[in-house]
Amino acid sequence: MFKRVLIANRGEIALRVLRACKLLGLETVGVYSKADTDCLHLKYVDEKVCVGPPASAESYLNIQNVIGAAEISGADAIHPGYGFLAENEEFARACRDADIVFIGPDPDAMALTGNKAKAREAMGKAGVPVLPGYSSSDLDESAALKISEEIGFPVLIKASLGGGGKGMRIVNDRQELIRSLPLVKAEARSAFGSEEIYIEKFLRNARHVEIQVLGDHHGNVIHLFERECSIQRRNQKLLEESPSPAVTPDLREKMGEAAVRGAASINYNSAGTMEFLLDEDNHFYFMEFNARIQVEHPVTEMITGKDILVEQIKVAMGEPLSFSQEELRMEGHAIECRINAEDPERDFMPTPGVIERWTVPGGPHLRVDTHCYQGYRISPNYDSLLAKLIVHGRDREEAIRLTLQALSEFEIEGVRSTIPFHIKLMMSPRFRKGYYHTRSVESELLF
């Protein structure tokens, strides 16, 4: 048990964690950098601690500073949210060494899932479908060429410790591989501190479908159905929906069982997400396992009526899951639009600045998860997410209609946002029919 939770994050997820803690009667501690003194969650926490200057590496990513903030504020647990230290094995171990509960999976599970090559191997052993591929920390050009030709072009070269679309290249032939290999290694080294990469078969026109899982410390692992995440640009998600328009009841059962089997094989005991690629013949393959809460978790909450954050915190307290697989039902359809401070007309270039007008939509069928308000300054130092608009309808057609209405009511002035993109997307005939894949936005197939 614990009584005071330090929220090691910022923005909308800091508010989301705070609200879950308050529902459970827990005290909260907020951390902030010197660039974040006006963050909204700081108005509601019981105590706040500055963890450093604006640069993330010196504040939110500084393990010593975050642990120190917990110690001086008397926090006996830390929730990392997503991003920053959420999947950092070293941070989870530092919490344990300081006798602070890390609200997330065990460090050993994080170490395994954080290395995509090792996670891929573990999932294969657990009977989860994986694509043909190979991983190594010392792949030279000759070996990479041989492996790629054995697998068959196109292939995907990816940083083993990567994430967020960094350290990744699609390679279509020998010459492209020769050019791309040193670039991927350099990006992997710069972003993740390791040149370890892996090569796997690249699926054209694949969909990105993920399964939400929950595990506890009593041997229970369940799934909360799927989320469709194929609307992306530069491997960054722009919209998610649940259920997926491509997943049949039979496929949903198979993917759910595979996700639970894979999570159980590594004794997973928190909220996590098994991410799959779905090909044009509805065959699915393991892509990666995210050992944290996801940005898009609200769409799952909308269709199941379950509070995933509250459940995750209770699991960290040692409690068993409060519901079983058999009790879960999907109700209706949910869509989440990520409203970012980016200009879609300029290749989604970030648009930091001061919000001069801020009006959010309302109604019984939607929620807006945000940390923004009129007068708030969007810093260039951090992620550009302004808000998540999550809409629930009785079916997909109604959810699209309600999302379009909500987007038209959303008013943001002072910074450009992705709302025009989302409105255009909602009106796309291909999107309305569910005919899209991970490259549809970049290839403009939807518009």
Protein backbone atom coordinates (compact mmCIF):
# COMPACT_ATOMS: atom_id res chain seq x y z
CA MET A 1 0.00 0.00 0.00
CA PHE A 2 1.03 3.62 -0.53
CA LYS A 3 -0.52 6.98 0.26
CA ARG A 4 1.27 9.63 -1.78
CA VAL A 5 2.02 9.36 -5.52
CA LEU A 6 4.55 11.48 -7.38
CA ILE A 7 3.49 12.00 -10.99
CA ALA A 8 6.71 11.92 -13.02
CA ASN A 9 5.26 13.59 -16.09
CA ARG A 10 3.58 16.69 -17.47
CA GLY A 11 0.70 17.71 -19.73
CA GLU A 12 -2.59 15.88 -20.09
CA ILE A 13 -1.30 12.55 -18.77
CA ALA A 14 -0.22 14.21 -15.51
CA LEU A 15 -3.81 15.41 -15.04
CA ARG A 16 -5.18 12.00 -16.00
CA VAL A 17 -3.00 10.24 -13.40
CA LEU A 18 -3.87 12.88 -10.80
CA ARG A 19 -7.60 12.28 -11.25
CA ALA A 20 -7.17 8.53 -10.93
CA CYS A 21 -5.19 9.03 -7.71
CA LYS A 22 -7.84 11.34 -6.29
CA LEU A 23 -10.54 8.74 -7.01
CA LEU A 24 -8.56 6.33 -4.84
CA GLY A 25 -8.03 8.88 -2.07
CA LEU A 26 -4.30 9.21 -2.70
CA GLU A 27 -2.26 12.37 -2.19
CA THR A 28 -0.32 13.64 -5.20
CA VAL A 29 2.99 15.35 -5.90
CA GLY A 30 3.59 17.16 -9.18
CA VAL A 31 6.99 17.74 -10.74
CA TYR A 32 7.83 20.43 -13.24
CA SER A 33 10.72 22.00 -15.12
CA LYS A 34 11.46 25.71 -15.05
CA ALA A 35 9.66 25.96 -18.40
CA ASP A 36 6.50 24.40 -16.96
CA THR A 37 5.59 26.61 -14.00
CA ASP A 38 2.14 27.23 -15.52
CA CYS A 39 1.23 23.56 -16.06
CA LEU A 40 -2.40 22.95 -15.16
CA HIS A 41 -1.86 19.85 -13.00
CA LEU A 42 0.28 21.90 -10.60
CA LYS A 43 -2.86 23.74 -9.50
CA TYR A 44 -4.40 20.56 -8.10
CA VAL A 45 -1.57 18.50 -6.61
CA ASP A 46 -0.94 18.45 -2.86
CA GLU A 47 2.70 19.42 -3.36
CA LYS A 48 4.91 20.40 -6.29
CA VAL A 49 8.66 20.10 -6.81
CA CYS A 50 10.87 21.60 -9.52
CA VAL A 51 13.14 18.94 -11.05
CA GLY A 52 15.38 21.09 -13.23
CA PRO A 53 15.78 23.39 -16.24
CA PRO A 54 13.67 23.24 -19.44
CA ALA A 55 15.74 20.56 -21.18
CA SER A 56 14.10 17.16 -20.62
CA ALA A 57 17.45 15.44 -20.05
CA GLU A 58 18.09 17.73 -17.10
CA SER A 59 14.59 17.58 -15.60
CA TYR A 60 11.91 15.02 -16.50
CA LEU A 61 14.49 12.48 -17.67
CA ASN A 62 16.88 13.07 -14.77
CA ILE A 63 16.41 9.96 -12.62
CA GLN A 64 18.32 11.34 -9.65
CA ASN A 65 16.25 14.54 -9.62
CA VAL A 66 12.92 12.70 -9.88
CA ILE A 67 13.81 10.22 -7.13
CA GLY A 68 15.03 13.13 -5.01
CA ALA A 69 11.72 14.93 -5.53
CA ALA A 70 9.86 11.86 -4.28
CA GLU A 71 12.06 11.60 -1.21
CA ILE A 72 11.81 15.24 -0.15
CA SER A 73 8.04 15.30 -0.72
CA GLY A 74 7.38 12.05 1.11
CA ALA A 75 5.97 10.26 -1.93
CA ASP A 76 5.99 6.49 -1.49
CA ALA A 77 5.00 5.70 -5.08
CA ILE A 78 5.73 7.10 -8.55
CA HIS A 79 3.54 6.95 -11.65
CA PRO A 80 5.58 7.64 -14.81
CA GLY A 81 2.68 8.24 -17.22
CA TYR A 82 3.86 7.72 -20.80
CA GLY A 83 7.02 8.96 -22.48
CA PHE A 84 9.98 10.27 -20.47
CA LEU A 85 10.90 7.56 -17.90
CA ALA A 86 7.81 5.36 -18.38
CA GLU A 87 9.69 2.45 -19.97
CA ASN A 88 13.07 3.05 -18.39
CA GLU A 89 14.26 -0.09 -16.64
CA GLU A 90 16.96 1.84 -14.78
CA PHE A 91 14.36 4.22 -13.35
CA ALA A 92 12.13 1.35 -12.19
CA ARG A 93 15.12 -0.22 -10.41
CA ALA A 94 16.06 3.15 -8.86
CA CYS A 95 12.53 3.41 -7.44
CA ARG A 96 12.82 -0.05 -5.94
CA ASP A 97 16.24 0.73 -4.47
CA ALA A 98 14.79 3.87 -2.87
CA ASP A 99 11.88 1.83 -1.41
CA ILE A 100 9.40 3.67 -3.64
CA VAL A 101 6.67 1.77 -5.48
CA PHE A 102 6.97 2.08 -9.25
CA ILE A 103 3.45 2.04 -10.69
CA GLY A 104 4.23 -0.10 -13.68
CA PRO A 105 5.66 -3.53 -14.52
CA ASP A 106 8.65 -5.18 -12.87
CA PRO A 107 12.06 -3.98 -14.14
CA ASP A 108 12.87 -7.39 -15.63
CA ALA A 109 9.74 -7.28 -17.78
CA MET A 110 10.56 -3.73 -18.80
CA ALA A 111 14.10 -4.74 -19.76
CA LEU A 112 12.78 -7.49 -22.00
CA THR A 113 10.00 -5.51 -23.68
CA GLY A 114 12.24 -2.46 -24.06
CA ASN A 115 14.56 -4.40 -26.34
CA LYS A 116 12.47 -5.05 -29.43
CA ALA A 117 14.70 -7.86 -30.66
CA LYS A 118 14.55 -9.73 -27.32
CA ALA A 119 10.82 -9.08 -27.01
CA ARG A 120 10.31 -10.48 -30.49
CA GLU A 121 12.24 -13.62 -29.56
CA ALA A 122 10.29 -14.06 -26.30
CA MET A 123 6.93 -13.65 -28.03
CA GLY A 124 7.91 -16.17 -30.68
CA LYS A 125 8.72 -18.70 -27.95
CA ALA A 126 5.31 -17.98 -26.38
CA GLY A 127 3.56 -18.86 -29.62
CA VAL A 128 2.77 -15.32 -30.71
CA PRO A 129 3.10 -14.93 -34.51
CA VAL A 130 6.24 -13.00 -35.53
CA LEU A 131 7.57 -11.89 -38.90
CA PRO A 132 10.75 -13.43 -40.35
CA GLY A 133 13.70 -11.41 -39.10
CA TYR A 134 17.10 -11.21 -37.44
CA SER A 135 18.71 -9.03 -34.76
CA SER A 136 22.30 -8.24 -33.79
CA SER A 137 24.41 -5.48 -32.26
CA ASP A 138 27.17 -5.90 -34.86
CA LEU A 139 25.38 -6.33 -38.17
CA ASP A 140 27.75 -5.25 -40.92
CA GLU A 141 26.79 -4.46 -44.49
CA SER A 142 27.56 -7.92 -45.83
CA ALA A 143 25.55 -9.74 -43.17
CA ALA A 144 22.64 -7.30 -43.47
CA LEU A 145 22.52 -7.82 -47.23
CA LYS A 146 22.53 -11.59 -46.87
CA ILE A 147 19.78 -11.55 -44.23
CA SER A 148 17.62 -9.13 -46.22
CA GLU A 149 17.88 -11.22 -49.38
CA GLU A 150 16.95 -14.35 -47.43
CA ILE A 151 13.91 -12.61 -45.94
CA GLY A 152 13.07 -10.89 -49.21
CA PHE A 153 12.79 -7.17 -49.91
CA PRO A 154 11.24 -4.91 -48.77
CA VAL A 155 12.57 -5.13 -45.23
CA LEU A 156 12.38 -2.91 -42.18
CA ILE A 157 15.58 -1.92 -40.35
CA LYS A 158 14.79 -0.82 -36.82
CA ALA A 159 16.63 0.13 -33.63
CA SER A 160 16.24 -2.66 -31.07
CA LEU A 161 15.81 -0.13 -28.26
CA GLY A 162 13.77 2.24 -30.41
CA GLY A 163 10.37 3.80 -30.13
CA GLY A 164 8.27 6.67 -31.41
CA GLY A 165 9.25 6.00 -35.00
CA LYS A 166 12.92 6.85 -34.44
CA GLY A 167 15.71 4.65 -35.78
CA MET A 168 13.59 3.07 -38.50
CA ARG A 169 13.92 2.72 -42.29
CA ILE A 170 11.97 0.84 -44.94
CA VAL A 171 14.43 -0.63 -47.44
CA ASN A 172 13.32 -1.77 -50.90
CA ASP A 173 16.56 -3.04 -52.47
CA ARG A 174 20.31 -3.65 -51.98
CA GLN A 175 21.44 -0.10 -52.74
CA GLU A 176 18.88 1.41 -50.40
CA LEU A 177 20.01 -0.96 -47.64
CA ILE A 178 23.67 0.05 -48.12
CA ARG A 179 22.66 3.72 -47.78
CA SER A 180 20.26 3.18 -44.86
CA LEU A 181 22.20 0.85 -42.58
CA PRO A 182 24.73 3.42 -41.24
CA LEU A 183 21.96 6.03 -40.90
CA VAL A 184 19.79 3.75 -38.75
CA LYS A 185 22.76 2.78 -36.59
CA ALA A 186 23.73 6.41 -36.09
CA GLU A 187 20.17 7.41 -35.20
CA ALA A 188 19.86 4.44 -32.84
CA ARG A 189 23.10 5.35 -31.12
CA SER A 190 22.10 9.00 -30.80
CA ALA A 191 18.53 8.42 -29.60
CA PHE A 192 18.88 5.22 -27.57
CA GLY A 193 22.57 4.80 -26.77
CA SER A 194 22.92 1.51 -28.66
CA GLU A 195 23.60 0.52 -32.28
CA GLU A 196 21.73 -2.76 -31.87
CA ILE A 197 19.25 -3.14 -34.71
CA TYR A 198 17.04 -5.80 -36.16
CA ILE A 199 15.84 -6.54 -39.67
CA GLU A 200 12.44 -8.01 -40.43
CA LYS A 201 10.11 -8.46 -43.36
CA PHE A 202 8.18 -5.29 -44.19
CA LEU A 203 4.49 -5.68 -44.91
CA ARG A 204 3.06 -3.31 -47.48
CA ASN A 205 -0.39 -1.88 -46.77
CA ALA A 206 -0.41 -3.33 -43.27
CA ARG A 207 -2.65 -2.10 -40.48
CA HIS A 208 -1.45 -1.29 -36.96
CA VAL A 209 -3.75 -2.99 -34.47
CA GLU A 210 -2.96 -3.22 -30.78
CA ILE A 211 -4.42 -5.10 -27.82
CA GLN A 212 -4.74 -3.55 -24.37
CA VAL A 213 -3.71 -5.96 -21.60
CA LEU A 214 -3.81 -5.86 -17.82
CA GLY A 215 -1.95 -8.18 -15.48
CA ASP A 216 -1.68 -8.37 -11.70
CA HIS A 217 0.62 -9.93 -9.10
CA HIS A 218 -1.74 -12.89 -8.61
CA GLY A 219 -1.23 -14.52 -12.00
CA ASN A 220 -4.21 -12.92 -13.75
CA VAL A 221 -3.77 -11.51 -17.26
CA ILE A 222 -6.65 -10.27 -19.42
CA HIS A 223 -7.16 -8.22 -22.57
CA LEU A 224 -9.55 -5.34 -23.19
CA PHE A 225 -9.97 -5.83 -26.94
CA GLU A 226 -8.25 -3.98 -29.78
CA ARG A 227 -7.48 -0.47 -30.93
CA GLU A 228 -6.93 0.49 -34.56
CA CYS A 229 -3.90 2.84 -34.82
CA SER A 230 -3.14 2.94 -38.55
CA ILE A 231 -3.78 6.66 -39.11
CA GLN A 232 -0.16 7.81 -38.79
CA ARG A 233 2.45 10.09 -40.27
CA ARG A 234 6.16 9.41 -39.80
CA ASN A 235 5.13 6.45 -37.61
CA GLN A 236 3.39 8.81 -35.17
CA LYS A 237 -0.27 8.09 -34.46
CA LEU A 238 -2.84 10.75 -35.29
CA LEU A 239 -6.10 8.91 -34.60
CA GLU A 240 -7.18 5.70 -32.91
CA GLU A 241 -10.49 3.87 -32.86
CA SER A 242 -12.05 0.83 -31.27
CA PRO A 243 -13.16 -1.62 -32.41
CA SER A 244 -11.04 -1.85 -35.54
CA PRO A 245 -13.07 -1.80 -38.77
CA ALA A 246 -10.83 -4.62 -40.05
CA VAL A 247 -11.12 -7.04 -37.11
CA THR A 248 -13.76 -9.78 -37.12
CA PRO A 249 -15.01 -11.45 -33.92
CA ASP A 250 -12.94 -14.54 -34.69
CA LEU A 251 -9.79 -12.52 -35.35
CA ARG A 252 -10.41 -10.45 -32.21
CA GLU A 253 -10.50 -13.62 -30.13
CA LYS A 254 -7.27 -14.93 -31.69
CA MET A 255 -5.40 -11.65 -31.25
CA GLY A 256 -6.64 -11.28 -27.67
CA GLU A 257 -5.57 -14.80 -26.78
CA ALA A 258 -2.13 -14.24 -28.34
CA ALA A 259 -1.67 -10.97 -26.43
CA VAL A 260 -2.63 -12.58 -23.11
CA ARG A 261 -0.38 -15.57 -23.80
CA GLY A 262 2.54 -13.32 -24.60
CA ALA A 263 2.05 -11.08 -21.56
CA ALA A 264 1.61 -14.06 -19.24
CA SER A 265 4.83 -15.64 -20.56
CA ILE A 266 6.84 -12.73 -19.11
CA ASN A 267 4.77 -12.51 -15.89
CA TYR A 268 3.47 -9.08 -16.84
CA ASN A 269 1.75 -7.27 -13.97
CA SER A 270 0.54 -3.83 -15.02
CA ALA A 271 -1.20 -2.05 -17.89
CA GLY A 272 0.48 -2.72 -21.22
CA THR A 273 -0.13 -2.95 -24.94
CA MET A 274 0.69 -5.70 -27.40
CA GLU A 275 1.10 -4.13 -30.84
CA PHE A 276 0.50 -6.13 -34.01
CA LEU A 277 0.75 -5.66 -37.76
CA LEU A 278 -2.26 -6.96 -39.67
CA ASP A 279 -1.70 -7.84 -43.33
CA GLU A 280 -4.18 -7.70 -46.19
CA ASP A 281 -5.12 -11.35 -45.62
CA ASN A 282 -5.91 -10.72 -41.92
CA HIS A 283 -2.78 -12.48 -40.66
CA PHE A 284 -1.35 -10.72 -37.62
CA TYR A 285 2.24 -10.48 -36.42
CA PHE A 286 3.88 -9.20 -33.24
CA MET A 287 5.48 -5.78 -33.62
CA GLU A 288 6.31 -4.63 -30.08
CA PHE A 289 5.09 -4.58 -26.49
CA ASN A 290 4.65 -1.23 -24.74
CA ALA A 291 5.15 -1.68 -20.99
CA ARG A 292 3.18 1.41 -19.95
CA ILE A 293 -0.09 3.20 -20.29
CA GLN A 294 -0.73 4.34 -23.88
CA VAL A 295 -1.77 7.78 -25.11
CA GLU A 296 -4.80 6.16 -26.72
CA HIS A 297 -6.07 4.22 -23.67
CA PRO A 298 -9.28 6.35 -23.47
CA VAL A 299 -10.87 4.69 -26.51
CA THR A 300 -10.69 1.38 -24.66
CA GLU A 301 -12.16 2.97 -21.54
CA MET A 302 -15.03 4.34 -23.61
CA ILE A 303 -16.06 0.99 -25.09
CA THR A 304 -15.53 -1.08 -21.92
CA GLY A 305 -16.53 1.36 -19.18
CA LYS A 306 -13.36 0.43 -17.24
CA ASP A 307 -10.90 2.92 -15.73
CA ILE A 308 -7.53 1.53 -16.82
CA LEU A 309 -5.49 4.02 -14.75
CA VAL A 310 -7.34 3.20 -11.54
CA GLU A 311 -6.92 -0.50 -12.23
CA GLN A 312 -3.19 -0.06 -12.88
CA ILE A 313 -2.71 1.81 -9.59
CA LYS A 314 -4.67 -0.80 -7.62
CA VAL A 315 -2.54 -3.55 -9.15
CA ALA A 316 0.57 -1.70 -7.96
CA MET A 317 -0.98 -1.76 -4.47
CA GLY A 318 -1.02 -5.55 -4.67
CA GLU A 319 -4.72 -5.95 -5.38
CA PRO A 320 -6.00 -8.49 -7.92
CA LEU A 321 -7.76 -7.30 -11.06
CA SER A 322 -11.30 -6.23 -10.17
CA PHE A 323 -12.92 -7.86 -13.22
CA SER A 324 -12.41 -10.99 -15.30
CA GLN A 325 -12.18 -11.57 -19.03
CA GLU A 326 -15.69 -12.98 -19.05
CA GLU A 327 -17.12 -9.79 -17.54
CA LEU A 328 -15.77 -7.53 -20.28
CA ARG A 329 -18.04 -6.35 -23.07
CA MET A 330 -17.59 -3.92 -25.96
CA GLU A 331 -20.28 -1.28 -26.17
CA GLY A 332 -20.49 0.92 -29.27
CA HIS A 333 -17.59 2.56 -31.05
CA ALA A 334 -14.99 5.10 -29.89
CA ILE A 335 -12.66 7.44 -31.81
CA GLU A 336 -9.75 9.45 -30.42
CA CYS A 337 -8.30 12.43 -32.30
CA ARG A 338 -4.89 13.65 -31.16
CA ILE A 339 -5.08 17.42 -31.39
CA ASN A 340 -1.48 18.59 -31.77
CA ALA A 341 0.09 22.04 -32.08
CA GLU A 342 1.20 21.24 -35.61
CA ASP A 343 0.47 22.64 -39.06
CA PRO A 344 -0.85 19.88 -41.37
CA GLU A 345 -0.30 22.12 -44.39
CA ARG A 346 3.43 22.36 -43.60
CA ASP A 347 4.14 18.64 -43.13
CA PHE A 348 2.88 18.72 -39.52
CA MET A 349 5.56 21.16 -38.42
CA PRO A 350 5.25 22.00 -34.67
CA THR A 351 3.69 25.39 -33.93
CA PRO A 352 4.63 26.51 -30.41
CA GLY A 353 3.18 29.73 -29.05
CA VAL A 354 0.51 31.18 -26.76
CA ILE A 355 -3.08 29.95 -26.93
CA GLU A 356 -5.17 33.09 -27.41
CA ARG A 357 -8.55 31.36 -27.57
CA TRP A 358 -9.51 27.94 -26.24
CA THR A 359 -13.05 26.52 -26.43
CA VAL A 360 -13.64 22.79 -26.16
CA PRO A 361 -16.74 20.86 -27.25
CA GLY A 362 -19.06 19.16 -24.79
CA GLY A 363 -21.81 16.59 -24.55
CA PRO A 364 -22.60 13.21 -22.93
CA HIS A 365 -20.91 11.26 -25.72
CA LEU A 366 -17.41 12.71 -25.48
CA ARG A 367 -14.48 13.64 -23.27
CA VAL A 368 -11.57 15.99 -23.81
CA ASP A 369 -8.32 15.09 -22.05
CA THR A 370 -6.19 18.23 -22.01
CA HIS A 371 -3.89 20.40 -19.96
CA CYS A 372 -4.41 23.52 -22.06
CA TYR A 373 -6.29 26.75 -21.37
CA GLN A 374 -6.52 30.27 -22.76
CA GLY A 375 -3.21 32.03 -22.18
CA TYR A 376 -1.20 28.79 -21.86
CA ARG A 377 2.13 28.80 -23.68
CA ILE A 378 2.98 25.76 -25.82
CA SER A 379 6.68 25.18 -25.26
CA PRO A 380 8.99 24.03 -28.07
CA ASN A 381 10.81 21.90 -25.49
CA TYR A 382 8.19 19.14 -25.27
CA ASP A 383 5.62 17.09 -27.13
CA SER A 384 3.12 19.10 -29.19
CA LEU A 385 -0.03 17.33 -27.93
CA LEU A 386 -2.72 19.87 -27.01
CA ALA A 387 -5.66 17.59 -26.31
CA LYS A 388 -7.23 14.23 -26.97
CA LEU A 389 -10.81 14.36 -28.24
CA ILE A 390 -12.50 11.04 -27.50
CA VAL A 391 -16.00 10.41 -28.85
CA HIS A 392 -18.34 7.46 -28.30
CA GLY A 393 -21.19 6.43 -30.57
CA ARG A 394 -23.60 3.53 -30.79
CA ASP A 395 -21.76 2.40 -33.94
CA ARG A 396 -18.88 3.60 -36.13
CA GLU A 397 -21.06 5.71 -38.38
CA GLU A 398 -22.49 7.61 -35.42
CA ALA A 399 -19.05 7.96 -33.81
CA ILE A 400 -17.69 9.57 -37.00
CA ARG A 401 -20.65 11.93 -37.19
CA LEU A 402 -20.30 12.96 -33.55
CA THR A 403 -16.54 13.40 -33.92
CA LEU A 404 -17.02 15.70 -36.90
CA GLN A 405 -19.52 17.76 -34.91
CA ALA A 406 -17.17 17.99 -31.92
CA LEU A 407 -14.22 19.00 -34.10
CA SER A 408 -16.30 21.80 -35.63
CA GLU A 409 -17.01 23.14 -32.11
CA PHE A 410 -13.35 23.01 -31.03
CA GLU A 411 -11.84 26.51 -31.22
CA ILE A 412 -8.09 27.15 -30.91
CA GLU A 413 -6.44 30.45 -31.78
CA GLY A 414 -2.85 31.57 -31.37
CA VAL A 415 -1.32 28.30 -32.54
CA ARG A 416 -2.12 26.13 -35.53
CA SER A 417 -3.50 22.68 -34.78
CA THR A 418 -4.28 19.40 -36.52
CA ILE A 419 -8.06 19.95 -36.29
CA PRO A 420 -8.35 20.77 -40.04
CA PHE A 421 -6.63 17.45 -40.81
CA HIS A 422 -9.04 15.54 -38.58
CA ILE A 423 -12.08 17.23 -40.12
CA LYS A 424 -10.79 16.33 -43.57
CA LEU A 425 -10.19 12.77 -42.41
CA MET A 426 -13.72 12.39 -41.01
CA MET A 427 -15.09 13.43 -44.40
CA SER A 428 -12.88 11.04 -46.39
CA PRO A 429 -14.93 8.31 -48.13
CA ARG A 430 -12.10 5.80 -47.68
CA PHE A 431 -11.85 6.49 -43.96
CA ARG A 432 -15.62 6.26 -43.56
CA LYS A 433 -15.50 2.83 -45.19
CA GLY A 434 -12.54 1.78 -43.00
CA TYR A 435 -10.26 1.31 -46.01
CA TYR A 436 -6.88 2.49 -44.78
CA HIS A 437 -3.45 1.33 -43.58
CA THR A 438 -0.32 2.79 -41.94
CA ARG A 439 0.86 4.54 -45.14
CA SER A 440 -2.50 5.97 -46.19
CA VAL A 441 -1.88 9.45 -44.80
CA GLU A 442 1.61 9.85 -46.26
CA SER A 443 0.55 8.50 -49.64
CA GLU A 444 -2.61 10.66 -49.54
CA LEU A 445 -4.78 7.68 -50.33
CA LEU A 446 -7.45 8.96 -47.98
CA PHE A 447 -7.93 12.38 -49.55
